[in-house]
Amino acid sequence: MSSHASTWRVFGSLAVDVDAREVQVDGELVALTKLEFDVLLALCATPRVVLSREELISRVWGPDWFGDEHVIDVHLSNLRRKLGDDPKQPRFVRTVRGVGFKLAA
């Protein structure tokens, strides 16, 4: 990690460099799309706090976005796959049934 430690958010083996828009898992760089990074950043902003699909969409796409809110599921699925996160036993992104998603800190 760089000397600018304040830009990093670390959650176990997951490290997010907010300013550089880089993500590492177990020290390995993970390539994410802009939207995948933005979804992860929204979850990082409030670790352990459950965000509904609507809240995530508002934070990532903005409050005026219109469309199917399940678009977030596609991005979360891709994000989990790239982070090596097993949906059955997630290390990072957890689903809270009927409520939303949170970053397990």
PDB file of N, CA and C in Angstrom:
ATOM      1  N   MET A   1       0.838  -1.190   0.000  1.00  0.00           N
ATOM      2  CA  MET A   1       0.000   0.000   0.000  1.00  0.00           C
ATOM      3  C   MET A   1       0.879   1.248   0.000  1.00  0.00           C
ATOM      4  N   SER A   2       0.382   2.303  -0.552  1.00  0.00           N
ATOM      5  CA  SER A   2       1.144   3.538  -0.677  1.00  0.00           C
ATOM      6  C   SER A   2       1.204   4.290   0.647  1.00  0.00           C
ATOM      7  N   SER A   3       1.951   5.379   0.636  1.00  0.00           N
ATOM      8  CA  SER A   3       2.070   6.194   1.844  1.00  0.00           C
ATOM      9  C   SER A   3       0.797   6.996   2.107  1.00  0.00           C
ATOM     10  N   HIS A   4      -0.091   7.051   1.138  1.00  0.00           N
ATOM     11  CA  HIS A   4      -1.354   7.777   1.305  1.00  0.00           C
ATOM     12  C   HIS A   4      -2.400   6.842   1.890  1.00  0.00           C
ATOM     13  N   ALA A   5      -2.144   6.387   3.102  1.00  0.00           N
ATOM     14  CA  ALA A   5      -2.988   5.375   3.736  1.00  0.00           C
ATOM     15  C   ALA A   5      -4.435   5.831   3.895  1.00  0.00           C
ATOM     16  N   SER A   6      -4.667   7.148   3.936  1.00  0.00           N
ATOM     17  CA  SER A   6      -6.019   7.644   4.161  1.00  0.00           C
ATOM     18  C   SER A   6      -6.957   7.329   2.997  1.00  0.00           C
ATOM     19  N   THR A   7      -6.413   7.067   1.811  1.00  0.00           N
ATOM     20  CA  THR A   7      -7.268   6.766   0.662  1.00  0.00           C
ATOM     21  C   THR A   7      -7.643   5.286   0.603  1.00  0.00           C
ATOM     22  N   TRP A   8      -7.019   4.471   1.437  1.00  0.00           N
ATOM     23  CA  TRP A   8      -7.292   3.035   1.440  1.00  0.00           C
ATOM     24  C   TRP A   8      -8.376   2.692   2.449  1.00  0.00           C
ATOM     25  N   ARG A   9      -9.243   1.775   2.043  1.00  0.00           N
ATOM     26  CA  ARG A   9     -10.212   1.178   2.972  1.00  0.00           C
ATOM     27  C   ARG A   9      -9.932  -0.315   2.963  1.00  0.00           C
ATOM     28  N   VAL A  10      -9.645  -0.866   4.125  1.00  0.00           N
ATOM     29  CA  VAL A  10      -9.224  -2.261   4.212  1.00  0.00           C
ATOM     30  C   VAL A  10     -10.244  -3.057   5.022  1.00  0.00           C
ATOM     31  N   PHE A  11     -10.662  -4.182   4.456  1.00  0.00           N
ATOM     32  CA  PHE A  11     -11.644  -5.071   5.078  1.00  0.00           C
ATOM     33  C   PHE A  11     -11.072  -6.483   4.992  1.00  0.00           C
ATOM     34  N   GLY A  12     -10.308  -6.875   5.999  1.00  0.00           N
ATOM     35  CA  GLY A  12      -9.645  -8.176   5.960  1.00  0.00           C
ATOM     36  C   GLY A  12      -8.672  -8.222   4.804  1.00  0.00           C
ATOM     37  N   SER A  13      -8.841  -9.190   3.903  1.00  0.00           N
ATOM     38  CA  SER A  13      -7.933  -9.331   2.762  1.00  0.00           C
ATOM     39  C   SER A  13      -8.354  -8.482   1.559  1.00  0.00           C
ATOM     40  N   LEU A  14      -9.417  -7.696   1.712  1.00  0.00           N
ATOM     41  CA  LEU A  14      -9.891  -6.796   0.655  1.00  0.00           C
ATOM     42  C   LEU A  14      -9.393  -5.387   0.952  1.00  0.00           C
ATOM     43  N   ALA A  15      -8.682  -4.795  -0.017  1.00  0.00           N
ATOM     44  CA  ALA A  15      -8.175  -3.429   0.127  1.00  0.00           C
ATOM     45  C   ALA A  15      -8.650  -2.597  -1.057  1.00  0.00           C
ATOM     46  N   VAL A  16      -9.248  -1.446  -0.758  1.00  0.00           N
ATOM     47  CA  VAL A  16      -9.789  -0.561  -1.795  1.00  0.00           C
ATOM     48  C   VAL A  16      -9.062   0.777  -1.722  1.00  0.00           C
ATOM     49  N   ASP A  17      -8.378   1.138  -2.807  1.00  0.00           N
ATOM     50  CA  ASP A  17      -7.738   2.456  -2.890  1.00  0.00           C
ATOM     51  C   ASP A  17      -8.740   3.381  -3.567  1.00  0.00           C
ATOM     52  N   VAL A  18      -9.380   4.217  -2.761  1.00  0.00           N
ATOM     53  CA  VAL A  18     -10.465   5.062  -3.241  1.00  0.00           C
ATOM     54  C   VAL A  18      -9.982   6.027  -4.325  1.00  0.00           C
ATOM     55  N   ASP A  19      -8.874   6.721  -4.064  1.00  0.00           N
ATOM     56  CA  ASP A  19      -8.393   7.736  -5.010  1.00  0.00           C
ATOM     57  C   ASP A  19      -7.884   7.131  -6.316  1.00  0.00           C
ATOM     58  N   ALA A  20      -7.167   6.016  -6.221  1.00  0.00           N
ATOM     59  CA  ALA A  20      -6.618   5.380  -7.427  1.00  0.00           C
ATOM     60  C   ALA A  20      -7.631   4.461  -8.114  1.00  0.00           C
ATOM     61  N   ARG A  21      -8.769   4.226  -7.446  1.00  0.00           N
ATOM     62  CA  ARG A  21      -9.806   3.328  -7.974  1.00  0.00           C
ATOM     63  C   ARG A  21      -9.224   1.946  -8.271  1.00  0.00           C
ATOM     64  N   GLU A  22      -8.480   1.432  -7.291  1.00  0.00           N
ATOM     65  CA  GLU A  22      -7.892   0.101  -7.410  1.00  0.00           C
ATOM     66  C   GLU A  22      -8.373  -0.782  -6.267  1.00  0.00           C
ATOM     67  N   VAL A  23      -8.471  -2.071  -6.561  1.00  0.00           N
ATOM     68  CA  VAL A  23      -8.921  -3.040  -5.568  1.00  0.00           C
ATOM     69  C   VAL A  23      -7.928  -4.193  -5.545  1.00  0.00           C
ATOM     70  N   GLN A  24      -7.591  -4.632  -4.338  1.00  0.00           N
ATOM     71  CA  GLN A  24      -6.727  -5.784  -4.175  1.00  0.00           C
ATOM     72  C   GLN A  24      -7.406  -6.787  -3.255  1.00  0.00           C
ATOM     73  N   VAL A  25      -7.237  -8.066  -3.584  1.00  0.00           N
ATOM     74  CA  VAL A  25      -7.667  -9.154  -2.709  1.00  0.00           C
ATOM     75  C   VAL A  25      -6.443 -10.018  -2.468  1.00  0.00           C
ATOM     76  N   ASP A  26      -6.099 -10.220  -1.212  1.00  0.00           N
ATOM     77  CA  ASP A  26      -4.908 -10.984  -0.834  1.00  0.00           C
ATOM     78  C   ASP A  26      -3.664 -10.437  -1.545  1.00  0.00           C
ATOM     79  N   GLY A  27      -3.592  -9.103  -1.699  1.00  0.00           N
ATOM     80  CA  GLY A  27      -2.434  -8.465  -2.314  1.00  0.00           C
ATOM     81  C   GLY A  27      -2.410  -8.479  -3.826  1.00  0.00           C
ATOM     82  N   GLU A  28      -3.396  -9.124  -4.440  1.00  0.00           N
ATOM     83  CA  GLU A  28      -3.464  -9.209  -5.906  1.00  0.00           C
ATOM     84  C   GLU A  28      -4.440  -8.160  -6.439  1.00  0.00           C
ATOM     85  N   LEU A  29      -4.016  -7.426  -7.472  1.00  0.00           N
ATOM     86  CA  LEU A  29      -4.867  -6.416  -8.093  1.00  0.00           C
ATOM     87  C   LEU A  29      -6.045  -7.092  -8.793  1.00  0.00           C
ATOM     88  N   VAL A  30      -7.255  -6.547  -8.603  1.00  0.00           N
ATOM     89  CA  VAL A  30      -8.468  -7.085  -9.218  1.00  0.00           C
ATOM     90  C   VAL A  30      -9.013  -6.024 -10.175  1.00  0.00           C
ATOM     91  N   ALA A  31      -9.206  -6.410 -11.432  1.00  0.00           N
ATOM     92  CA  ALA A  31      -9.720  -5.480 -12.440  1.00  0.00           C
ATOM     93  C   ALA A  31     -11.240  -5.417 -12.347  1.00  0.00           C
ATOM     94  N   LEU A  32     -11.771  -4.212 -12.078  1.00  0.00           N
ATOM     95  CA  LEU A  32     -13.216  -4.016 -12.007  1.00  0.00           C
ATOM     96  C   LEU A  32     -13.644  -2.980 -13.037  1.00  0.00           C
ATOM     97  N   THR A  33     -14.884  -3.085 -13.492  1.00  0.00           N
ATOM     98  CA  THR A  33     -15.447  -2.046 -14.347  1.00  0.00           C
ATOM     99  C   THR A  33     -15.751  -0.825 -13.484  1.00  0.00           C
ATOM    100  N   LYS A  34     -16.051   0.292 -14.117  1.00  0.00           N
ATOM    101  CA  LYS A  34     -16.392   1.518 -13.384  1.00  0.00           C
ATOM    102  C   LYS A  34     -17.580   1.268 -12.456  1.00  0.00           C
ATOM    103  N   LEU A  35     -18.624   0.619 -12.985  1.00  0.00           N
ATOM    104  CA  LEU A  35     -19.827   0.392 -12.181  1.00  0.00           C
ATOM    105  C   LEU A  35     -19.578  -0.589 -11.040  1.00  0.00           C
ATOM    106  N   GLU A  36     -18.793  -1.638 -11.280  1.00  0.00           N
ATOM    107  CA  GLU A  36     -18.477  -2.589 -10.210  1.00  0.00           C
ATOM    108  C   GLU A  36     -17.722  -1.877  -9.083  1.00  0.00           C
ATOM    109  N   PHE A  37     -16.760  -1.029  -9.466  1.00  0.00           N
ATOM    110  CA  PHE A  37     -16.010  -0.286  -8.454  1.00  0.00           C
ATOM    111  C   PHE A  37     -16.939   0.656  -7.691  1.00  0.00           C
ATOM    112  N   ASP A  38     -17.824   1.340  -8.415  1.00  0.00           N
ATOM    113  CA  ASP A  38     -18.748   2.277  -7.767  1.00  0.00           C
ATOM    114  C   ASP A  38     -19.682   1.569  -6.787  1.00  0.00           C
ATOM    115  N   VAL A  39     -20.141   0.368  -7.145  1.00  0.00           N
ATOM    116  CA  VAL A  39     -20.990  -0.418  -6.240  1.00  0.00           C
ATOM    117  C   VAL A  39     -20.189  -0.794  -4.989  1.00  0.00           C
ATOM    118  N   LEU A  40     -18.954  -1.258  -5.195  1.00  0.00           N
ATOM    119  CA  LEU A  40     -18.104  -1.622  -4.062  1.00  0.00           C
ATOM    120  C   LEU A  40     -17.829  -0.405  -3.180  1.00  0.00           C
ATOM    121  N   LEU A  41     -17.581   0.734  -3.808  1.00  0.00           N
ATOM    122  CA  LEU A  41     -17.309   1.964  -3.063  1.00  0.00           C
ATOM    123  C   LEU A  41     -18.519   2.374  -2.214  1.00  0.00           C
ATOM    124  N   ALA A  42     -19.718   2.220  -2.778  1.00  0.00           N
ATOM    125  CA  ALA A  42     -20.940   2.542  -2.023  1.00  0.00           C
ATOM    126  C   ALA A  42     -21.050   1.640  -0.791  1.00  0.00           C
ATOM    127  N   LEU A  43     -20.713   0.366  -0.948  1.00  0.00           N
ATOM    128  CA  LEU A  43     -20.752  -0.562   0.189  1.00  0.00           C
ATOM    129  C   LEU A  43     -19.651  -0.242   1.200  1.00  0.00           C
ATOM    130  N   CYS A  44     -18.467   0.158   0.703  1.00  0.00           N
ATOM    131  CA  CYS A  44     -17.334   0.510   1.578  1.00  0.00           C
ATOM    132  C   CYS A  44     -17.624   1.748   2.417  1.00  0.00           C
ATOM    133  N   ALA A  45     -18.444   2.640   1.894  1.00  0.00           N
ATOM    134  CA  ALA A  45     -18.710   3.908   2.577  1.00  0.00           C
ATOM    135  C   ALA A  45     -19.403   3.685   3.923  1.00  0.00           C
ATOM    136  N   THR A  46     -20.187   2.619   4.010  1.00  0.00           N
ATOM    137  CA  THR A  46     -20.906   2.325   5.252  1.00  0.00           C
ATOM    138  C   THR A  46     -20.800   0.833   5.561  1.00  0.00           C
ATOM    139  N   PRO A  47     -19.602   0.362   5.924  1.00  0.00           N
ATOM    140  CA  PRO A  47     -19.453  -1.073   6.192  1.00  0.00           C
ATOM    141  C   PRO A  47     -20.382  -1.527   7.316  1.00  0.00           C
ATOM    142  N   ARG A  48     -20.857  -2.736   7.188  1.00  0.00           N
ATOM    143  CA  ARG A  48     -21.773  -3.379   8.139  1.00  0.00           C
ATOM    144  C   ARG A  48     -23.177  -2.809   8.097  1.00  0.00           C
ATOM    145  N   VAL A  49     -23.404  -1.731   7.328  1.00  0.00           N
ATOM    146  CA  VAL A  49     -24.748  -1.161   7.192  1.00  0.00           C
ATOM    147  C   VAL A  49     -25.384  -1.775   5.946  1.00  0.00           C
ATOM    148  N   VAL A  50     -26.597  -2.293   6.100  1.00  0.00           N
ATOM    149  CA  VAL A  50     -27.294  -2.916   4.975  1.00  0.00           C
ATOM    150  C   VAL A  50     -27.879  -1.836   4.082  1.00  0.00           C
ATOM    151  N   LEU A  51     -27.575  -1.931   2.776  1.00  0.00           N
ATOM    152  CA  LEU A  51     -28.124  -0.994   1.792  1.00  0.00           C
ATOM    153  C   LEU A  51     -29.105  -1.743   0.899  1.00  0.00           C
ATOM    154  N   SER A  52     -30.281  -1.168   0.711  1.00  0.00           N
ATOM    155  CA  SER A  52     -31.269  -1.773  -0.182  1.00  0.00           C
ATOM    156  C   SER A  52     -30.826  -1.569  -1.629  1.00  0.00           C
ATOM    157  N   ARG A  53     -31.474  -2.275  -2.542  1.00  0.00           N
ATOM    158  CA  ARG A  53     -31.184  -2.069  -3.969  1.00  0.00           C
ATOM    159  C   ARG A  53     -31.384  -0.601  -4.338  1.00  0.00           C
ATOM    160  N   GLU A  54     -32.486  -0.013  -3.816  1.00  0.00           N
ATOM    161  CA  GLU A  54     -32.798   1.389  -4.135  1.00  0.00           C
ATOM    162  C   GLU A  54     -31.689   2.324  -3.660  1.00  0.00           C
ATOM    163  N   GLU A  55     -31.171   2.081  -2.439  1.00  0.00           N
ATOM    164  CA  GLU A  55     -30.103   2.924  -1.902  1.00  0.00           C
ATOM    165  C   GLU A  55     -28.826   2.787  -2.723  1.00  0.00           C
ATOM    166  N   LEU A  56     -28.491   1.556  -3.100  1.00  0.00           N
ATOM    167  CA  LEU A  56     -27.291   1.344  -3.916  1.00  0.00           C
ATOM    168  C   LEU A  56     -27.430   2.024  -5.273  1.00  0.00           C
ATOM    169  N   ILE A  57     -28.586   1.869  -5.896  1.00  0.00           N
ATOM    170  CA  ILE A  57     -28.810   2.500  -7.201  1.00  0.00           C
ATOM    171  C   ILE A  57     -28.712   4.011  -7.093  1.00  0.00           C
ATOM    172  N   SER A  58     -29.298   4.590  -6.046  1.00  0.00           N
ATOM    173  CA  SER A  58     -29.246   6.034  -5.848  1.00  0.00           C
ATOM    174  C   SER A  58     -27.805   6.507  -5.681  1.00  0.00           C
ATOM    175  N   ARG A  59     -26.998   5.746  -4.930  1.00  0.00           N
ATOM    176  CA  ARG A  59     -25.601   6.137  -4.690  1.00  0.00           C
ATOM    177  C   ARG A  59     -24.727   5.967  -5.929  1.00  0.00           C
ATOM    178  N   VAL A  60     -25.020   4.947  -6.744  1.00  0.00           N
ATOM    179  CA  VAL A  60     -24.168   4.646  -7.899  1.00  0.00           C
ATOM    180  C   VAL A  60     -24.633   5.365  -9.157  1.00  0.00           C
ATOM    181  N   TRP A  61     -25.936   5.299  -9.450  1.00  0.00           N
ATOM    182  CA  TRP A  61     -26.459   5.885 -10.683  1.00  0.00           C
ATOM    183  C   TRP A  61     -27.092   7.256 -10.474  1.00  0.00           C
ATOM    184  N   GLY A  62     -27.380   7.592  -9.236  1.00  0.00           N
ATOM    185  CA  GLY A  62     -28.016   8.875  -8.955  1.00  0.00           C
ATOM    186  C   GLY A  62     -29.502   8.716  -8.704  1.00  0.00           C
ATOM    187  N   PRO A  63     -30.112   9.694  -8.017  1.00  0.00           N
ATOM    188  CA  PRO A  63     -31.515   9.574  -7.607  1.00  0.00           C
ATOM    189  C   PRO A  63     -32.507   9.620  -8.770  1.00  0.00           C
ATOM    190  N   ASP A  64     -32.082  10.101  -9.929  1.00  0.00           N
ATOM    191  CA  ASP A  64     -33.003  10.215 -11.065  1.00  0.00           C
ATOM    192  C   ASP A  64     -32.981   8.998 -11.975  1.00  0.00           C
ATOM    193  N   TRP A  65     -32.185   7.974 -11.615  1.00  0.00           N
ATOM    194  CA  TRP A  65     -32.087   6.789 -12.459  1.00  0.00           C
ATOM    195  C   TRP A  65     -33.422   6.071 -12.496  1.00  0.00           C
ATOM    196  N   PHE A  66     -33.764   5.537 -13.679  1.00  0.00           N
ATOM    197  CA  PHE A  66     -35.017   4.805 -13.818  1.00  0.00           C
ATOM    198  C   PHE A  66     -34.740   3.503 -14.546  1.00  0.00           C
ATOM    199  N   GLY A  67     -35.253   2.405 -14.021  1.00  0.00           N
ATOM    200  CA  GLY A  67     -35.078   1.110 -14.670  1.00  0.00           C
ATOM    201  C   GLY A  67     -35.318  -0.002 -13.674  1.00  0.00           C
ATOM    202  N   ASP A  68     -34.924  -1.215 -14.060  1.00  0.00           N
ATOM    203  CA  ASP A  68     -35.116  -2.383 -13.211  1.00  0.00           C
ATOM    204  C   ASP A  68     -34.068  -2.383 -12.100  1.00  0.00           C
ATOM    205  N   GLU A  69     -34.527  -2.347 -10.853  1.00  0.00           N
ATOM    206  CA  GLU A  69     -33.590  -2.280  -9.731  1.00  0.00           C
ATOM    207  C   GLU A  69     -32.756  -3.549  -9.591  1.00  0.00           C
ATOM    208  N   HIS A  70     -33.150  -4.629 -10.259  1.00  0.00           N
ATOM    209  CA  HIS A  70     -32.366  -5.866 -10.179  1.00  0.00           C
ATOM    210  C   HIS A  70     -31.088  -5.792 -11.017  1.00  0.00           C
ATOM    211  N   VAL A  71     -30.885  -4.670 -11.716  1.00  0.00           N
ATOM    212  CA  VAL A  71     -29.619  -4.454 -12.424  1.00  0.00           C
ATOM    213  C   VAL A  71     -28.467  -4.512 -11.410  1.00  0.00           C
ATOM    214  N   ILE A  72     -28.734  -4.136 -10.178  1.00  0.00           N
ATOM    215  CA  ILE A  72     -27.708  -4.160  -9.130  1.00  0.00           C
ATOM    216  C   ILE A  72     -27.256  -5.592  -8.863  1.00  0.00           C
ATOM    217  N   ASP A  73     -28.167  -6.557  -8.993  1.00  0.00           N
ATOM    218  CA  ASP A  73     -27.828  -7.964  -8.761  1.00  0.00           C
ATOM    219  C   ASP A  73     -26.772  -8.443  -9.757  1.00  0.00           C
ATOM    220  N   VAL A  74     -26.888  -8.003 -10.992  1.00  0.00           N
ATOM    221  CA  VAL A  74     -25.927  -8.394 -12.030  1.00  0.00           C
ATOM    222  C   VAL A  74     -24.539  -7.868 -11.675  1.00  0.00           C
ATOM    223  N   HIS A  75     -24.471  -6.602 -11.283  1.00  0.00           N
ATOM    224  CA  HIS A  75     -23.180  -6.009 -10.944  1.00  0.00           C
ATOM    225  C   HIS A  75     -22.598  -6.631  -9.674  1.00  0.00           C
ATOM    226  N   LEU A  76     -23.452  -6.934  -8.690  1.00  0.00           N
ATOM    227  CA  LEU A  76     -22.979  -7.589  -7.469  1.00  0.00           C
ATOM    228  C   LEU A  76     -22.481  -9.005  -7.763  1.00  0.00           C
ATOM    229  N   SER A  77     -23.163  -9.707  -8.654  1.00  0.00           N
ATOM    230  CA  SER A  77     -22.741 -11.054  -9.023  1.00  0.00           C
ATOM    231  C   SER A  77     -21.362 -11.017  -9.684  1.00  0.00           C
ATOM    232  N   ASN A  78     -21.174 -10.082 -10.618  1.00  0.00           N
ATOM    233  CA  ASN A  78     -19.874  -9.932 -11.278  1.00  0.00           C
ATOM    234  C   ASN A  78     -18.795  -9.521 -10.281  1.00  0.00           C
ATOM    235  N   LEU A  79     -19.138  -8.605  -9.396  1.00  0.00           N
ATOM    236  CA  LEU A  79     -18.205  -8.131  -8.373  1.00  0.00           C
ATOM    237  C   LEU A  79     -17.775  -9.283  -7.472  1.00  0.00           C
ATOM    238  N   ARG A  80     -18.735 -10.061  -7.003  1.00  0.00           N
ATOM    239  CA  ARG A  80     -18.421 -11.201  -6.141  1.00  0.00           C
ATOM    240  C   ARG A  80     -17.498 -12.187  -6.846  1.00  0.00           C
ATOM    241  N   ARG A  81     -17.796 -12.463  -8.119  1.00  0.00           N
ATOM    242  CA  ARG A  81     -16.991 -13.414  -8.885  1.00  0.00           C
ATOM    243  C   ARG A  81     -15.548 -12.918  -8.988  1.00  0.00           C
ATOM    244  N   LYS A  82     -15.376 -11.634  -9.307  1.00  0.00           N
ATOM    245  CA  LYS A  82     -14.036 -11.071  -9.463  1.00  0.00           C
ATOM    246  C   LYS A  82     -13.275 -11.002  -8.140  1.00  0.00           C
ATOM    247  N   LEU A  83     -13.992 -10.818  -7.036  1.00  0.00           N
ATOM    248  CA  LEU A  83     -13.352 -10.774  -5.717  1.00  0.00           C
ATOM    249  C   LEU A  83     -13.083 -12.182  -5.173  1.00  0.00           C
ATOM    250  N   GLY A  84     -13.558 -13.208  -5.899  1.00  0.00           N
ATOM    251  CA  GLY A  84     -13.407 -14.579  -5.425  1.00  0.00           C
ATOM    252  C   GLY A  84     -14.280 -14.853  -4.220  1.00  0.00           C
ATOM    253  N   ASP A  85     -15.428 -14.177  -4.182  1.00  0.00           N
ATOM    254  CA  ASP A  85     -16.343 -14.268  -3.047  1.00  0.00           C
ATOM    255  C   ASP A  85     -17.386 -15.348  -3.318  1.00  0.00           C
ATOM    256  N   ASP A  86     -17.414 -16.379  -2.495  1.00  0.00           N
ATOM    257  CA  ASP A  86     -18.393 -17.459  -2.626  1.00  0.00           C
ATOM    258  C   ASP A  86     -19.741 -16.968  -2.095  1.00  0.00           C
ATOM    259  N   PRO A  87     -20.778 -16.916  -2.956  1.00  0.00           N
ATOM    260  CA  PRO A  87     -22.084 -16.419  -2.500  1.00  0.00           C
ATOM    261  C   PRO A  87     -22.656 -17.214  -1.315  1.00  0.00           C
ATOM    262  N   LYS A  88     -22.308 -18.502  -1.210  1.00  0.00           N
ATOM    263  CA  LYS A  88     -22.829 -19.323  -0.106  1.00  0.00           C
ATOM    264  C   LYS A  88     -22.121 -19.003   1.213  1.00  0.00           C
ATOM    265  N   GLN A  89     -20.843 -18.617   1.136  1.00  0.00           N
ATOM    266  CA  GLN A  89     -20.075 -18.241   2.330  1.00  0.00           C
ATOM    267  C   GLN A  89     -19.234 -17.012   1.997  1.00  0.00           C
ATOM    268  N   PRO A  90     -19.879 -15.863   1.847  1.00  0.00           N
ATOM    269  CA  PRO A  90     -19.170 -14.666   1.395  1.00  0.00           C
ATOM    270  C   PRO A  90     -18.199 -14.113   2.436  1.00  0.00           C
ATOM    271  N   ARG A  91     -17.038 -13.700   1.957  1.00  0.00           N
ATOM    272  CA  ARG A  91     -16.063 -13.027   2.820  1.00  0.00           C
ATOM    273  C   ARG A  91     -16.317 -11.524   2.825  1.00  0.00           C
ATOM    274  N   PHE A  92     -16.849 -11.010   1.716  1.00  0.00           N
ATOM    275  CA  PHE A  92     -16.929  -9.565   1.542  1.00  0.00           C
ATOM    276  C   PHE A  92     -18.360  -9.035   1.425  1.00  0.00           C
ATOM    277  N   VAL A  93     -19.032  -9.397   0.348  1.00  0.00           N
ATOM    278  CA  VAL A  93     -20.372  -8.861   0.089  1.00  0.00           C
ATOM    279  C   VAL A  93     -21.418  -9.863   0.580  1.00  0.00           C
ATOM    280  N   ARG A  94     -22.214  -9.437   1.552  1.00  0.00           N
ATOM    281  CA  ARG A  94     -23.233 -10.319   2.116  1.00  0.00           C
ATOM    282  C   ARG A  94     -24.622  -9.859   1.702  1.00  0.00           C
ATOM    283  N   THR A  95     -25.499 -10.816   1.464  1.00  0.00           N
ATOM    284  CA  THR A  95     -26.902 -10.545   1.175  1.00  0.00           C
ATOM    285  C   THR A  95     -27.680 -10.687   2.472  1.00  0.00           C
ATOM    286  N   VAL A  96     -28.504  -9.686   2.764  1.00  0.00           N
ATOM    287  CA  VAL A  96     -29.413  -9.775   3.897  1.00  0.00           C
ATOM    288  C   VAL A  96     -30.803  -9.948   3.281  1.00  0.00           C
ATOM    289  N   ARG A  97     -31.311 -11.159   3.338  1.00  0.00           N
ATOM    290  CA  ARG A  97     -32.560 -11.505   2.634  1.00  0.00           C
ATOM    291  C   ARG A  97     -33.696 -10.548   2.943  1.00  0.00           C
ATOM    292  N   GLY A  98     -34.338 -10.079   1.882  1.00  0.00           N
ATOM    293  CA  GLY A  98     -35.482  -9.198   2.031  1.00  0.00           C
ATOM    294  C   GLY A  98     -35.131  -7.757   2.372  1.00  0.00           C
ATOM    295  N   VAL A  99     -33.826  -7.472   2.554  1.00  0.00           N
ATOM    296  CA  VAL A  99     -33.420  -6.117   2.942  1.00  0.00           C
ATOM    297  C   VAL A  99     -32.458  -5.517   1.930  1.00  0.00           C
ATOM    298  N   GLY A 100     -31.327  -6.186   1.723  1.00  0.00           N
ATOM    299  CA  GLY A 100     -30.342  -5.633   0.793  1.00  0.00           C
ATOM    300  C   GLY A 100     -28.984  -6.293   0.951  1.00  0.00           C
ATOM    301  N   PHE A 101     -27.927  -5.472   0.881  1.00  0.00           N
ATOM    302  CA  PHE A 101     -26.570  -5.965   0.837  1.00  0.00           C
ATOM    303  C   PHE A 101     -25.692  -5.136   1.751  1.00  0.00           C
ATOM    304  N   LYS A 102     -24.616  -5.771   2.233  1.00  0.00           N
ATOM    305  CA  LYS A 102     -23.677  -5.040   3.073  1.00  0.00           C
ATOM    306  C   LYS A 102     -22.284  -5.598   2.857  1.00  0.00           C
ATOM    307  N   LEU A 103     -21.312  -4.774   3.204  1.00  0.00           N
ATOM    308  CA  LEU A 103     -19.932  -5.215   3.186  1.00  0.00           C
ATOM    309  C   LEU A 103     -19.615  -5.779   4.559  1.00  0.00           C
ATOM    310  N   ALA A 104     -19.159  -7.012   4.581  1.00  0.00           N
ATOM    311  CA  ALA A 104     -18.797  -7.644   5.846  1.00  0.00           C
ATOM    312  C   ALA A 104     -17.436  -7.123   6.269  1.00  0.00           C
ATOM    313  N   ALA A 105     -17.400  -6.342   7.315  1.00  0.00           N
ATOM    314  CA  ALA A 105     -16.129  -5.729   7.748  1.00  0.00           C
ATOM    315  C   ALA A 105     -15.522  -6.534   8.884  1.00  0.00           C
TER     316      ALA A 105
END
